N, C-alpha and C. Protein backbone atom coordinates (compact mmCIF):
# COMPACT_ATOMS: atom_id res chain seq x y z
N MET A 1 17.37 -15.35 2.06
CA MET A 1 15.91 -15.29 2.17
C MET A 1 15.35 -16.70 2.12
N ASN A 2 14.41 -17.05 2.96
CA ASN A 2 13.76 -18.35 2.98
C ASN A 2 12.74 -18.41 1.86
N SER A 3 13.02 -19.23 0.83
CA SER A 3 12.15 -19.24 -0.35
C SER A 3 10.77 -19.75 -0.04
N ALA A 4 10.63 -20.52 1.04
CA ALA A 4 9.30 -21.03 1.39
C ALA A 4 8.38 -19.94 1.86
N ALA A 5 8.94 -18.82 2.31
CA ALA A 5 8.14 -17.74 2.87
C ALA A 5 7.67 -16.76 1.82
N PHE A 6 8.18 -16.87 0.60
CA PHE A 6 7.86 -15.90 -0.43
C PHE A 6 7.40 -16.58 -1.70
N CYS A 7 6.50 -15.89 -2.44
CA CYS A 7 6.04 -16.41 -3.73
C CYS A 7 7.13 -16.22 -4.77
N ALA A 8 7.25 -17.16 -5.68
CA ALA A 8 8.24 -17.05 -6.75
C ALA A 8 7.65 -16.23 -7.88
N VAL A 9 8.28 -15.10 -8.19
CA VAL A 9 7.83 -14.24 -9.27
C VAL A 9 9.01 -13.89 -10.14
N VAL A 10 8.89 -13.98 -11.46
CA VAL A 10 9.98 -13.67 -12.36
C VAL A 10 10.01 -12.18 -12.64
N ILE A 11 11.14 -11.54 -12.46
CA ILE A 11 11.31 -10.12 -12.79
C ILE A 11 11.76 -10.02 -14.23
N LEU A 12 10.96 -9.36 -15.06
CA LEU A 12 11.22 -9.32 -16.48
C LEU A 12 11.95 -8.06 -16.92
N ALA A 13 11.61 -6.92 -16.31
CA ALA A 13 12.20 -5.66 -16.75
C ALA A 13 11.91 -4.59 -15.73
N VAL A 14 12.55 -3.44 -15.91
CA VAL A 14 12.30 -2.31 -15.03
C VAL A 14 11.00 -1.63 -15.42
N THR A 15 10.19 -1.24 -14.45
CA THR A 15 8.94 -0.57 -14.74
C THR A 15 9.18 0.89 -15.06
N ALA A 16 8.07 1.62 -15.16
CA ALA A 16 8.16 3.02 -15.57
C ALA A 16 8.80 3.90 -14.52
N TRP A 17 8.87 3.43 -13.25
CA TRP A 17 9.39 4.32 -12.22
C TRP A 17 10.37 3.63 -11.28
N PRO A 18 11.47 3.04 -11.83
CA PRO A 18 12.48 2.47 -10.94
C PRO A 18 13.33 3.57 -10.33
N MET A 19 13.89 3.28 -9.16
CA MET A 19 14.88 4.17 -8.57
C MET A 19 16.25 3.57 -8.82
N ASN A 20 17.22 4.40 -9.21
CA ASN A 20 18.59 3.99 -9.47
C ASN A 20 18.67 2.93 -10.58
N GLY A 21 17.62 2.88 -11.43
CA GLY A 21 17.65 1.98 -12.56
C GLY A 21 17.60 0.51 -12.20
N GLU A 22 17.13 0.15 -11.02
CA GLU A 22 17.17 -1.24 -10.59
C GLU A 22 15.78 -1.77 -10.31
N THR A 23 15.63 -3.07 -10.53
CA THR A 23 14.45 -3.79 -10.08
C THR A 23 14.92 -4.83 -9.09
N PHE A 24 14.25 -4.96 -7.97
CA PHE A 24 14.70 -5.82 -6.90
C PHE A 24 13.95 -7.14 -6.88
N ALA A 25 14.65 -8.21 -6.53
CA ALA A 25 14.05 -9.54 -6.50
C ALA A 25 13.36 -9.84 -5.18
N MET A 26 13.56 -8.99 -4.16
CA MET A 26 12.91 -9.21 -2.87
C MET A 26 11.49 -8.66 -2.96
N LEU A 27 10.56 -9.49 -3.38
CA LEU A 27 9.22 -9.02 -3.72
C LEU A 27 8.34 -8.88 -2.50
N ALA A 28 7.35 -7.98 -2.64
CA ALA A 28 6.32 -7.86 -1.63
C ALA A 28 5.32 -8.98 -1.85
N THR A 29 5.20 -9.87 -0.90
CA THR A 29 4.25 -10.97 -0.99
C THR A 29 3.60 -11.16 0.36
N GLU A 30 2.43 -11.76 0.33
CA GLU A 30 1.71 -11.95 1.57
C GLU A 30 2.41 -12.99 2.45
N ASN A 31 2.50 -12.70 3.73
CA ASN A 31 2.98 -13.66 4.70
C ASN A 31 2.00 -14.83 4.74
N ALA A 32 2.54 -16.05 4.82
CA ALA A 32 1.68 -17.24 4.81
C ALA A 32 0.71 -17.25 5.98
N ASN A 33 1.03 -16.53 7.05
CA ASN A 33 0.17 -16.49 8.23
C ASN A 33 -0.79 -15.30 8.24
N SER A 34 -0.77 -14.50 7.16
CA SER A 34 -1.51 -13.23 7.19
C SER A 34 -3.02 -13.41 7.11
N ALA A 35 -3.48 -14.57 6.61
CA ALA A 35 -4.92 -14.76 6.47
C ALA A 35 -5.64 -14.66 7.81
N ALA A 36 -4.95 -15.05 8.87
CA ALA A 36 -5.57 -15.02 10.20
C ALA A 36 -5.17 -13.78 11.00
N ALA A 37 -4.35 -12.93 10.41
CA ALA A 37 -3.82 -11.77 11.13
C ALA A 37 -4.58 -10.51 10.78
N VAL A 38 -5.04 -9.80 11.80
CA VAL A 38 -5.67 -8.50 11.63
C VAL A 38 -4.90 -7.49 12.47
N ALA A 39 -4.63 -6.34 11.90
CA ALA A 39 -3.80 -5.33 12.57
C ALA A 39 -4.48 -4.77 13.81
N GLU A 40 -3.66 -4.12 14.63
CA GLU A 40 -4.16 -3.32 15.74
C GLU A 40 -4.26 -1.87 15.28
N PRO A 41 -5.33 -1.17 15.65
CA PRO A 41 -5.44 0.25 15.27
C PRO A 41 -4.56 1.13 16.14
N VAL A 42 -3.93 2.11 15.51
CA VAL A 42 -3.06 3.06 16.22
C VAL A 42 -3.69 4.44 16.13
N ASP A 43 -3.91 5.05 17.28
CA ASP A 43 -4.49 6.39 17.34
C ASP A 43 -3.38 7.42 17.19
N LEU A 44 -3.30 8.02 16.04
CA LEU A 44 -2.28 9.04 15.77
C LEU A 44 -2.76 10.44 16.12
N GLY A 45 -4.01 10.55 16.58
CA GLY A 45 -4.58 11.85 16.84
C GLY A 45 -5.16 12.50 15.60
N LEU A 46 -5.52 11.66 14.61
CA LEU A 46 -6.09 12.14 13.36
C LEU A 46 -7.56 11.72 13.27
N SER A 47 -8.18 11.91 12.13
CA SER A 47 -9.62 11.64 12.00
C SER A 47 -9.95 10.16 11.99
N VAL A 48 -8.96 9.32 11.65
CA VAL A 48 -9.13 7.86 11.68
C VAL A 48 -7.90 7.25 12.35
N ARG A 49 -8.05 6.00 12.79
CA ARG A 49 -6.92 5.26 13.32
C ARG A 49 -6.30 4.42 12.19
N TRP A 50 -5.00 4.25 12.24
CA TRP A 50 -4.27 3.56 11.19
C TRP A 50 -3.80 2.19 11.66
N ALA A 51 -3.83 1.21 10.76
CA ALA A 51 -3.34 -0.13 11.06
C ALA A 51 -1.85 -0.09 11.38
N ASP A 52 -1.42 -1.02 12.25
CA ASP A 52 0.00 -1.04 12.61
C ASP A 52 0.84 -1.88 11.66
N PHE A 53 0.22 -2.56 10.69
CA PHE A 53 0.99 -3.22 9.63
C PHE A 53 0.16 -3.29 8.35
N ASN A 54 0.84 -3.59 7.25
CA ASN A 54 0.21 -3.62 5.93
C ASN A 54 -0.69 -4.84 5.76
N LEU A 55 -1.67 -4.72 4.90
CA LEU A 55 -2.48 -5.86 4.53
C LEU A 55 -1.57 -6.92 3.90
N GLY A 56 -1.75 -8.18 4.32
CA GLY A 56 -0.90 -9.26 3.83
C GLY A 56 0.35 -9.48 4.65
N ALA A 57 0.55 -8.68 5.68
CA ALA A 57 1.69 -8.82 6.58
C ALA A 57 1.21 -9.28 7.95
N VAL A 58 2.15 -9.51 8.86
CA VAL A 58 1.80 -9.79 10.25
C VAL A 58 2.62 -8.95 11.22
N ARG A 59 3.59 -8.20 10.69
CA ARG A 59 4.42 -7.32 11.50
C ARG A 59 4.62 -5.99 10.77
N PRO A 60 4.88 -4.91 11.49
CA PRO A 60 5.00 -3.59 10.85
C PRO A 60 6.07 -3.51 9.77
N GLU A 61 7.16 -4.25 9.91
CA GLU A 61 8.25 -4.15 8.94
C GLU A 61 8.02 -5.02 7.70
N GLU A 62 7.03 -5.91 7.73
CA GLU A 62 6.77 -6.76 6.57
C GLU A 62 6.05 -5.97 5.47
N TYR A 63 6.38 -6.30 4.23
CA TYR A 63 5.81 -5.58 3.10
C TYR A 63 4.32 -5.86 2.90
N GLY A 64 3.92 -7.11 3.06
CA GLY A 64 2.56 -7.48 2.68
C GLY A 64 2.43 -7.60 1.18
N GLY A 65 1.20 -7.52 0.68
CA GLY A 65 0.96 -7.69 -0.75
C GLY A 65 0.94 -6.38 -1.50
N LEU A 66 1.02 -6.49 -2.83
CA LEU A 66 0.87 -5.35 -3.74
C LEU A 66 -0.36 -5.64 -4.60
N TYR A 67 -1.42 -4.85 -4.43
CA TYR A 67 -2.73 -5.16 -4.97
C TYR A 67 -3.18 -4.12 -5.99
N GLY A 68 -3.89 -4.59 -7.01
CA GLY A 68 -4.52 -3.66 -7.94
C GLY A 68 -5.68 -2.94 -7.27
N TRP A 69 -5.95 -1.72 -7.71
CA TRP A 69 -7.04 -0.92 -7.12
C TRP A 69 -8.38 -1.57 -7.45
N GLY A 70 -9.20 -1.77 -6.44
CA GLY A 70 -10.52 -2.33 -6.67
C GLY A 70 -10.54 -3.83 -6.88
N ASP A 71 -9.45 -4.52 -6.56
CA ASP A 71 -9.39 -5.98 -6.66
C ASP A 71 -9.51 -6.58 -5.27
N PRO A 72 -10.69 -7.03 -4.86
CA PRO A 72 -10.85 -7.57 -3.51
C PRO A 72 -10.22 -8.94 -3.32
N THR A 73 -9.86 -9.61 -4.42
CA THR A 73 -9.20 -10.92 -4.31
C THR A 73 -7.71 -10.79 -4.04
N GLY A 74 -7.11 -9.69 -4.52
CA GLY A 74 -5.68 -9.50 -4.40
C GLY A 74 -4.85 -10.34 -5.34
N ARG A 75 -5.50 -11.02 -6.28
CA ARG A 75 -4.78 -11.96 -7.15
C ARG A 75 -4.56 -11.47 -8.57
N LYS A 76 -5.24 -10.44 -8.99
CA LYS A 76 -5.17 -10.02 -10.40
C LYS A 76 -3.79 -9.45 -10.74
N ARG A 77 -3.30 -9.79 -11.94
CA ARG A 77 -2.04 -9.25 -12.45
C ARG A 77 -2.23 -8.63 -13.82
N SER A 78 -3.46 -8.49 -14.27
CA SER A 78 -3.75 -7.88 -15.56
C SER A 78 -3.27 -6.43 -15.58
N THR A 79 -2.92 -5.95 -16.77
CA THR A 79 -2.57 -4.54 -16.94
C THR A 79 -3.68 -3.78 -17.65
N GLU A 80 -4.90 -4.32 -17.62
CA GLU A 80 -6.07 -3.66 -18.19
C GLU A 80 -6.84 -2.96 -17.07
N ASN A 81 -7.00 -1.65 -17.18
CA ASN A 81 -7.72 -0.91 -16.14
C ASN A 81 -9.14 -1.42 -15.95
N SER A 82 -9.76 -1.92 -17.02
CA SER A 82 -11.14 -2.36 -16.93
C SER A 82 -11.32 -3.54 -15.97
N ASP A 83 -10.23 -4.18 -15.59
CA ASP A 83 -10.30 -5.29 -14.62
C ASP A 83 -10.26 -4.79 -13.18
N TYR A 84 -10.16 -3.48 -12.97
CA TYR A 84 -9.94 -2.92 -11.61
C TYR A 84 -10.94 -1.82 -11.29
N PRO A 85 -12.12 -2.07 -10.82
CA PRO A 85 -12.80 -3.37 -10.90
C PRO A 85 -13.67 -3.48 -12.14
N SER A 86 -13.78 -2.36 -12.91
CA SER A 86 -14.65 -2.34 -14.09
C SER A 86 -14.22 -1.19 -14.99
N GLU A 87 -14.89 -1.08 -16.14
CA GLU A 87 -14.54 -0.01 -17.08
C GLU A 87 -14.76 1.37 -16.47
N VAL A 88 -15.87 1.54 -15.76
CA VAL A 88 -16.19 2.82 -15.14
C VAL A 88 -16.54 2.57 -13.66
N PRO A 89 -15.55 2.56 -12.79
CA PRO A 89 -15.81 2.26 -11.38
C PRO A 89 -16.42 3.45 -10.65
N GLN A 90 -16.94 3.17 -9.46
CA GLN A 90 -17.49 4.25 -8.65
C GLN A 90 -16.37 5.13 -8.12
N ARG A 91 -16.74 6.34 -7.71
CA ARG A 91 -15.75 7.35 -7.34
C ARG A 91 -15.01 7.01 -6.05
N GLU A 92 -15.67 6.31 -5.14
CA GLU A 92 -15.05 5.97 -3.85
C GLU A 92 -15.36 4.51 -3.52
N ILE A 93 -14.32 3.67 -3.36
CA ILE A 93 -14.54 2.26 -3.05
C ILE A 93 -14.25 1.93 -1.60
N SER A 94 -13.79 2.90 -0.81
CA SER A 94 -13.47 2.64 0.59
C SER A 94 -14.70 2.11 1.33
N GLY A 95 -14.56 0.93 1.96
CA GLY A 95 -15.66 0.34 2.71
C GLY A 95 -16.66 -0.42 1.88
N THR A 96 -16.39 -0.62 0.57
CA THR A 96 -17.32 -1.32 -0.31
C THR A 96 -16.82 -2.73 -0.62
N GLU A 97 -17.56 -3.44 -1.45
CA GLU A 97 -17.18 -4.80 -1.84
C GLU A 97 -15.91 -4.84 -2.67
N TYR A 98 -15.47 -3.69 -3.20
CA TYR A 98 -14.24 -3.62 -3.99
C TYR A 98 -13.02 -3.22 -3.16
N ASP A 99 -13.20 -3.03 -1.88
CA ASP A 99 -12.14 -2.61 -0.96
C ASP A 99 -11.53 -3.85 -0.33
N ILE A 100 -10.29 -4.18 -0.68
CA ILE A 100 -9.67 -5.41 -0.22
C ILE A 100 -9.46 -5.42 1.30
N ALA A 101 -9.19 -4.28 1.89
CA ALA A 101 -9.04 -4.23 3.35
C ALA A 101 -10.36 -4.55 4.04
N HIS A 102 -11.44 -3.98 3.53
CA HIS A 102 -12.77 -4.23 4.06
C HIS A 102 -13.15 -5.71 3.91
N VAL A 103 -12.84 -6.29 2.76
CA VAL A 103 -13.19 -7.68 2.48
C VAL A 103 -12.35 -8.64 3.31
N LYS A 104 -11.04 -8.39 3.40
CA LYS A 104 -10.14 -9.32 4.09
C LYS A 104 -10.22 -9.20 5.61
N TRP A 105 -10.31 -7.99 6.13
CA TRP A 105 -10.25 -7.78 7.58
C TRP A 105 -11.62 -7.53 8.21
N GLY A 106 -12.57 -6.96 7.47
CA GLY A 106 -13.89 -6.70 8.03
C GLY A 106 -13.82 -5.79 9.25
N SER A 107 -14.86 -5.86 10.09
CA SER A 107 -14.88 -5.18 11.39
C SER A 107 -14.56 -3.69 11.31
N GLY A 108 -14.99 -3.04 10.23
CA GLY A 108 -14.79 -1.61 10.11
C GLY A 108 -13.51 -1.18 9.41
N TRP A 109 -12.60 -2.12 9.14
CA TRP A 109 -11.37 -1.77 8.41
C TRP A 109 -11.69 -1.46 6.96
N ARG A 110 -10.93 -0.52 6.39
CA ARG A 110 -11.16 -0.10 5.00
C ARG A 110 -9.94 0.62 4.47
N LEU A 111 -9.94 0.83 3.17
CA LEU A 111 -8.93 1.69 2.55
C LEU A 111 -9.11 3.13 3.05
N PRO A 112 -8.02 3.87 3.23
CA PRO A 112 -8.17 5.29 3.51
C PRO A 112 -8.66 6.03 2.27
N THR A 113 -9.34 7.14 2.48
CA THR A 113 -9.72 8.01 1.37
C THR A 113 -8.52 8.89 1.00
N ARG A 114 -8.66 9.56 -0.12
CA ARG A 114 -7.62 10.53 -0.50
C ARG A 114 -7.43 11.57 0.61
N ALA A 115 -8.52 12.07 1.16
CA ALA A 115 -8.43 13.11 2.20
C ALA A 115 -7.73 12.59 3.45
N GLU A 116 -7.96 11.33 3.79
CA GLU A 116 -7.32 10.77 4.99
C GLU A 116 -5.83 10.55 4.76
N GLN A 117 -5.46 10.17 3.55
CA GLN A 117 -4.03 10.09 3.25
C GLN A 117 -3.37 11.46 3.27
N GLN A 118 -4.06 12.46 2.72
CA GLN A 118 -3.51 13.81 2.73
C GLN A 118 -3.35 14.32 4.16
N GLU A 119 -4.29 13.99 5.02
CA GLU A 119 -4.19 14.37 6.42
C GLU A 119 -2.95 13.75 7.06
N LEU A 120 -2.66 12.49 6.73
CA LEU A 120 -1.47 11.84 7.27
C LEU A 120 -0.20 12.53 6.79
N VAL A 121 -0.19 12.95 5.53
CA VAL A 121 0.95 13.68 4.98
C VAL A 121 1.12 15.03 5.67
N ASP A 122 0.01 15.76 5.85
CA ASP A 122 0.07 17.14 6.32
C ASP A 122 0.24 17.28 7.83
N LYS A 123 -0.32 16.34 8.60
CA LYS A 123 -0.39 16.53 10.05
C LYS A 123 0.52 15.62 10.86
N ALA A 124 1.17 14.66 10.20
CA ALA A 124 2.09 13.78 10.89
C ALA A 124 3.54 14.18 10.57
N VAL A 125 4.44 13.76 11.43
CA VAL A 125 5.87 13.98 11.22
C VAL A 125 6.47 12.70 10.63
N TRP A 126 7.10 12.83 9.48
CA TRP A 126 7.67 11.69 8.77
C TRP A 126 9.18 11.68 8.96
N ARG A 127 9.72 10.54 9.41
CA ARG A 127 11.16 10.43 9.66
C ARG A 127 11.71 9.16 9.02
N LYS A 128 12.70 9.32 8.18
CA LYS A 128 13.36 8.17 7.56
C LYS A 128 14.03 7.31 8.62
N THR A 129 13.81 6.00 8.54
CA THR A 129 14.38 5.12 9.56
C THR A 129 14.41 3.69 9.03
N GLU A 130 14.83 2.76 9.87
CA GLU A 130 14.75 1.33 9.59
C GLU A 130 14.13 0.63 10.78
N LEU A 131 13.37 -0.42 10.51
CA LEU A 131 12.80 -1.25 11.56
C LEU A 131 13.22 -2.69 11.29
N HIS A 132 14.03 -3.24 12.18
CA HIS A 132 14.55 -4.60 12.02
C HIS A 132 15.21 -4.77 10.65
N GLY A 133 15.97 -3.75 10.25
CA GLY A 133 16.72 -3.81 9.01
C GLY A 133 15.94 -3.46 7.75
N VAL A 134 14.66 -3.09 7.90
CA VAL A 134 13.83 -2.74 6.75
C VAL A 134 13.70 -1.23 6.66
N ALA A 135 14.01 -0.67 5.49
CA ALA A 135 13.93 0.77 5.29
C ALA A 135 12.49 1.24 5.20
N GLY A 136 12.26 2.46 5.65
CA GLY A 136 10.92 3.04 5.55
C GLY A 136 10.84 4.35 6.29
N TYR A 137 9.61 4.72 6.67
CA TYR A 137 9.38 5.95 7.41
C TYR A 137 8.62 5.66 8.70
N SER A 138 9.07 6.27 9.77
CA SER A 138 8.29 6.34 11.00
C SER A 138 7.39 7.56 10.89
N VAL A 139 6.08 7.36 11.10
CA VAL A 139 5.10 8.43 10.92
C VAL A 139 4.44 8.69 12.26
N THR A 140 4.70 9.85 12.83
CA THR A 140 4.23 10.19 14.18
C THR A 140 3.14 11.24 14.10
N GLY A 141 1.98 10.91 14.69
CA GLY A 141 0.85 11.82 14.65
C GLY A 141 0.84 12.80 15.80
N PRO A 142 -0.15 13.70 15.84
CA PRO A 142 -0.26 14.68 16.92
C PRO A 142 -0.38 14.06 18.31
N SER A 143 -0.84 12.82 18.40
CA SER A 143 -0.97 12.15 19.70
C SER A 143 0.36 11.70 20.26
N GLY A 144 1.40 11.67 19.41
CA GLY A 144 2.70 11.15 19.81
C GLY A 144 2.89 9.68 19.46
N ASN A 145 1.82 9.00 19.04
CA ASN A 145 1.94 7.61 18.61
C ASN A 145 2.44 7.54 17.16
N SER A 146 3.05 6.41 16.81
CA SER A 146 3.67 6.28 15.50
C SER A 146 3.27 4.98 14.82
N ILE A 147 3.37 4.97 13.49
CA ILE A 147 3.31 3.76 12.69
C ILE A 147 4.55 3.73 11.81
N PHE A 148 4.88 2.55 11.31
CA PHE A 148 6.02 2.39 10.39
C PHE A 148 5.49 1.96 9.03
N LEU A 149 5.87 2.71 7.99
CA LEU A 149 5.49 2.39 6.62
C LEU A 149 6.72 1.92 5.86
N PRO A 150 6.84 0.59 5.61
CA PRO A 150 8.05 0.09 4.94
C PRO A 150 8.11 0.48 3.48
N ALA A 151 9.33 0.54 2.97
CA ALA A 151 9.57 0.90 1.57
C ALA A 151 9.30 -0.32 0.69
N VAL A 152 8.02 -0.52 0.40
CA VAL A 152 7.56 -1.73 -0.24
C VAL A 152 7.67 -1.70 -1.76
N GLY A 153 7.90 -0.52 -2.35
CA GLY A 153 7.98 -0.40 -3.80
C GLY A 153 6.60 -0.40 -4.45
N GLY A 154 6.54 -0.78 -5.72
CA GLY A 154 5.30 -0.83 -6.46
C GLY A 154 5.41 -1.85 -7.58
N ARG A 155 4.29 -2.23 -8.17
CA ARG A 155 4.25 -3.32 -9.15
C ARG A 155 3.41 -2.94 -10.37
N VAL A 156 3.84 -3.42 -11.55
CA VAL A 156 3.02 -3.40 -12.76
C VAL A 156 3.07 -4.81 -13.34
N GLY A 157 1.92 -5.47 -13.45
CA GLY A 157 1.94 -6.87 -13.84
C GLY A 157 2.69 -7.67 -12.78
N ASP A 158 3.73 -8.38 -13.19
CA ASP A 158 4.58 -9.12 -12.25
C ASP A 158 5.90 -8.41 -11.99
N ARG A 159 6.02 -7.18 -12.43
CA ARG A 159 7.28 -6.45 -12.32
C ARG A 159 7.26 -5.51 -11.11
N VAL A 160 8.19 -5.70 -10.21
CA VAL A 160 8.27 -4.88 -8.99
C VAL A 160 9.50 -4.00 -9.06
N SER A 161 9.35 -2.72 -8.70
CA SER A 161 10.47 -1.78 -8.78
C SER A 161 10.64 -0.97 -7.50
N TYR A 162 11.82 -0.41 -7.37
CA TYR A 162 12.31 0.49 -6.33
C TYR A 162 11.98 0.07 -4.90
N GLN A 163 11.88 -1.25 -4.69
CA GLN A 163 11.76 -1.74 -3.33
C GLN A 163 13.00 -1.31 -2.56
N VAL A 164 12.82 -0.94 -1.32
CA VAL A 164 13.79 -0.35 -0.38
C VAL A 164 14.06 1.11 -0.68
N ASP A 165 13.69 1.62 -1.85
CA ASP A 165 13.92 3.02 -2.19
C ASP A 165 12.67 3.89 -2.05
N GLY A 166 11.49 3.26 -1.99
CA GLY A 166 10.25 4.04 -1.91
C GLY A 166 9.06 3.13 -1.73
N ALA A 167 7.88 3.71 -1.69
CA ALA A 167 6.66 2.93 -1.46
C ALA A 167 5.45 3.63 -2.03
N ASP A 168 4.45 2.81 -2.40
CA ASP A 168 3.17 3.28 -2.89
C ASP A 168 2.06 2.62 -2.08
N TYR A 169 1.08 3.42 -1.62
CA TYR A 169 -0.03 2.91 -0.83
C TYR A 169 -1.35 3.45 -1.42
N TRP A 170 -2.24 2.52 -1.79
CA TRP A 170 -3.51 2.93 -2.39
C TRP A 170 -4.44 3.63 -1.39
N SER A 171 -5.21 4.59 -1.93
CA SER A 171 -6.41 5.08 -1.28
C SER A 171 -7.60 4.41 -1.94
N GLY A 172 -8.80 4.69 -1.47
CA GLY A 172 -10.00 4.16 -2.09
C GLY A 172 -10.66 5.14 -3.04
N THR A 173 -9.98 6.22 -3.39
CA THR A 173 -10.60 7.32 -4.13
C THR A 173 -10.14 7.35 -5.59
N LEU A 174 -11.10 7.31 -6.50
CA LEU A 174 -10.82 7.41 -7.92
C LEU A 174 -10.39 8.83 -8.27
N SER A 175 -9.48 8.94 -9.22
CA SER A 175 -9.04 10.25 -9.71
C SER A 175 -10.10 10.89 -10.60
N GLU A 176 -9.91 12.18 -10.86
CA GLU A 176 -10.75 12.87 -11.84
C GLU A 176 -10.59 12.21 -13.22
N ASP A 177 -9.42 11.69 -13.49
CA ASP A 177 -9.18 10.84 -14.65
C ASP A 177 -9.57 9.42 -14.24
N PRO A 178 -10.67 8.86 -14.78
CA PRO A 178 -11.17 7.58 -14.28
C PRO A 178 -10.25 6.39 -14.53
N ASP A 179 -9.20 6.57 -15.30
CA ASP A 179 -8.22 5.50 -15.48
C ASP A 179 -7.24 5.40 -14.32
N LYS A 180 -7.31 6.39 -13.41
CA LYS A 180 -6.33 6.46 -12.31
C LYS A 180 -7.03 6.56 -10.96
N ALA A 181 -6.28 6.28 -9.90
CA ALA A 181 -6.78 6.44 -8.55
C ALA A 181 -5.70 7.11 -7.71
N TYR A 182 -6.12 7.68 -6.58
CA TYR A 182 -5.17 8.37 -5.70
C TYR A 182 -4.39 7.38 -4.84
N TYR A 183 -3.16 7.74 -4.59
CA TYR A 183 -2.29 6.91 -3.75
C TYR A 183 -1.29 7.80 -3.02
N LEU A 184 -0.81 7.32 -1.89
CA LEU A 184 0.24 8.00 -1.13
C LEU A 184 1.57 7.35 -1.49
N TYR A 185 2.56 8.17 -1.79
CA TYR A 185 3.86 7.59 -2.12
C TYR A 185 4.99 8.41 -1.52
N TYR A 186 6.13 7.75 -1.37
CA TYR A 186 7.34 8.44 -0.94
C TYR A 186 8.56 7.78 -1.57
N TYR A 187 9.60 8.56 -1.73
CA TYR A 187 10.94 8.06 -2.01
C TYR A 187 11.77 8.35 -0.77
N ILE A 188 12.60 7.40 -0.37
CA ILE A 188 13.41 7.57 0.83
C ILE A 188 14.22 8.86 0.73
N GLY A 189 14.10 9.69 1.76
CA GLY A 189 14.83 10.95 1.81
C GLY A 189 14.06 12.13 1.26
N GLU A 190 12.84 11.87 0.73
CA GLU A 190 12.02 12.95 0.19
C GLU A 190 10.68 13.00 0.92
N ASP A 191 9.98 14.11 0.78
CA ASP A 191 8.69 14.26 1.44
C ASP A 191 7.63 13.36 0.81
N PRO A 192 6.71 12.82 1.62
CA PRO A 192 5.61 12.02 1.07
C PRO A 192 4.64 12.90 0.29
N THR A 193 3.92 12.29 -0.64
CA THR A 193 3.01 13.02 -1.53
C THR A 193 1.80 12.14 -1.83
N VAL A 194 0.69 12.77 -2.14
CA VAL A 194 -0.48 12.06 -2.66
C VAL A 194 -0.62 12.39 -4.14
N GLY A 195 -0.67 11.36 -4.97
CA GLY A 195 -0.77 11.57 -6.42
C GLY A 195 -1.74 10.58 -7.03
N THR A 196 -1.67 10.40 -8.34
CA THR A 196 -2.54 9.46 -9.04
C THR A 196 -1.72 8.60 -10.01
N LEU A 197 -2.13 7.34 -10.17
CA LEU A 197 -1.54 6.43 -11.15
C LEU A 197 -2.61 5.44 -11.61
N PRO A 198 -2.35 4.73 -12.72
CA PRO A 198 -3.36 3.81 -13.26
C PRO A 198 -3.81 2.75 -12.26
N ARG A 199 -5.08 2.38 -12.36
CA ARG A 199 -5.71 1.47 -11.40
C ARG A 199 -5.12 0.06 -11.43
N HIS A 200 -4.51 -0.34 -12.55
CA HIS A 200 -3.99 -1.70 -12.62
C HIS A 200 -2.64 -1.86 -11.93
N TYR A 201 -2.03 -0.77 -11.49
CA TYR A 201 -0.77 -0.87 -10.76
C TYR A 201 -1.00 -1.59 -9.43
N GLY A 202 0.00 -2.32 -8.97
CA GLY A 202 -0.10 -3.03 -7.70
C GLY A 202 0.61 -2.28 -6.59
N PHE A 203 -0.15 -1.81 -5.60
CA PHE A 203 0.39 -1.04 -4.50
C PHE A 203 0.04 -1.69 -3.17
N ALA A 204 0.75 -1.28 -2.14
CA ALA A 204 0.47 -1.75 -0.78
C ALA A 204 -0.82 -1.13 -0.25
N VAL A 205 -1.35 -1.72 0.82
CA VAL A 205 -2.54 -1.20 1.48
C VAL A 205 -2.26 -1.06 2.98
N ARG A 206 -2.40 0.15 3.48
CA ARG A 206 -2.38 0.39 4.93
C ARG A 206 -3.77 0.88 5.30
N ALA A 207 -4.51 0.02 5.97
CA ALA A 207 -5.93 0.26 6.22
C ALA A 207 -6.16 1.22 7.38
N VAL A 208 -7.38 1.73 7.45
CA VAL A 208 -7.81 2.62 8.53
C VAL A 208 -9.11 2.11 9.11
N ILE A 209 -9.43 2.63 10.30
CA ILE A 209 -10.69 2.30 10.98
C ILE A 209 -11.11 3.52 11.78
N GLU A 210 -12.40 3.69 11.95
CA GLU A 210 -12.89 4.86 12.68
C GLU A 210 -12.48 4.79 14.15
């Protein structure tokens, strides 16, 4: 791995949800060229179009960044929910000042809502595959078009786990439990699901646009 292309982060321990008991050193970090890169929208035949790569990436197989919910800077590593973005956040941040996709990409891009993630789970065909040697899922919509969601893992503080074994992608929707927010996740070889986890966790972002 070219160390110049990745941020140096120390792995201290396994988080609450490692796969196979391992934490991987190949971290999800923003591509140095990602500041100028905006994804192309892919029409899957659903209610919104999906970006063809993750926020912080420049290609579909790149991981991009792992961001706390409601952190438009993408830099926070605190494990205090009150920092994401406040003690009592609004119920939906998609398209707001707290939406990192909206802030970084503009032009109508935003976090998907819980309902839009559920639609992707329910109406698309998910197939385990690799793209340029990167594990993940090919997700094909009713239109026949596809996107690739790499197995980017997830983060708590500076600790990243189960990279290559699974992935977590934030929605913009707060859970009924205000300490948590909805996210789409999968483990390689299993069906994707929409669930909830604490807001301070660092997850990938796959943006949508109308």
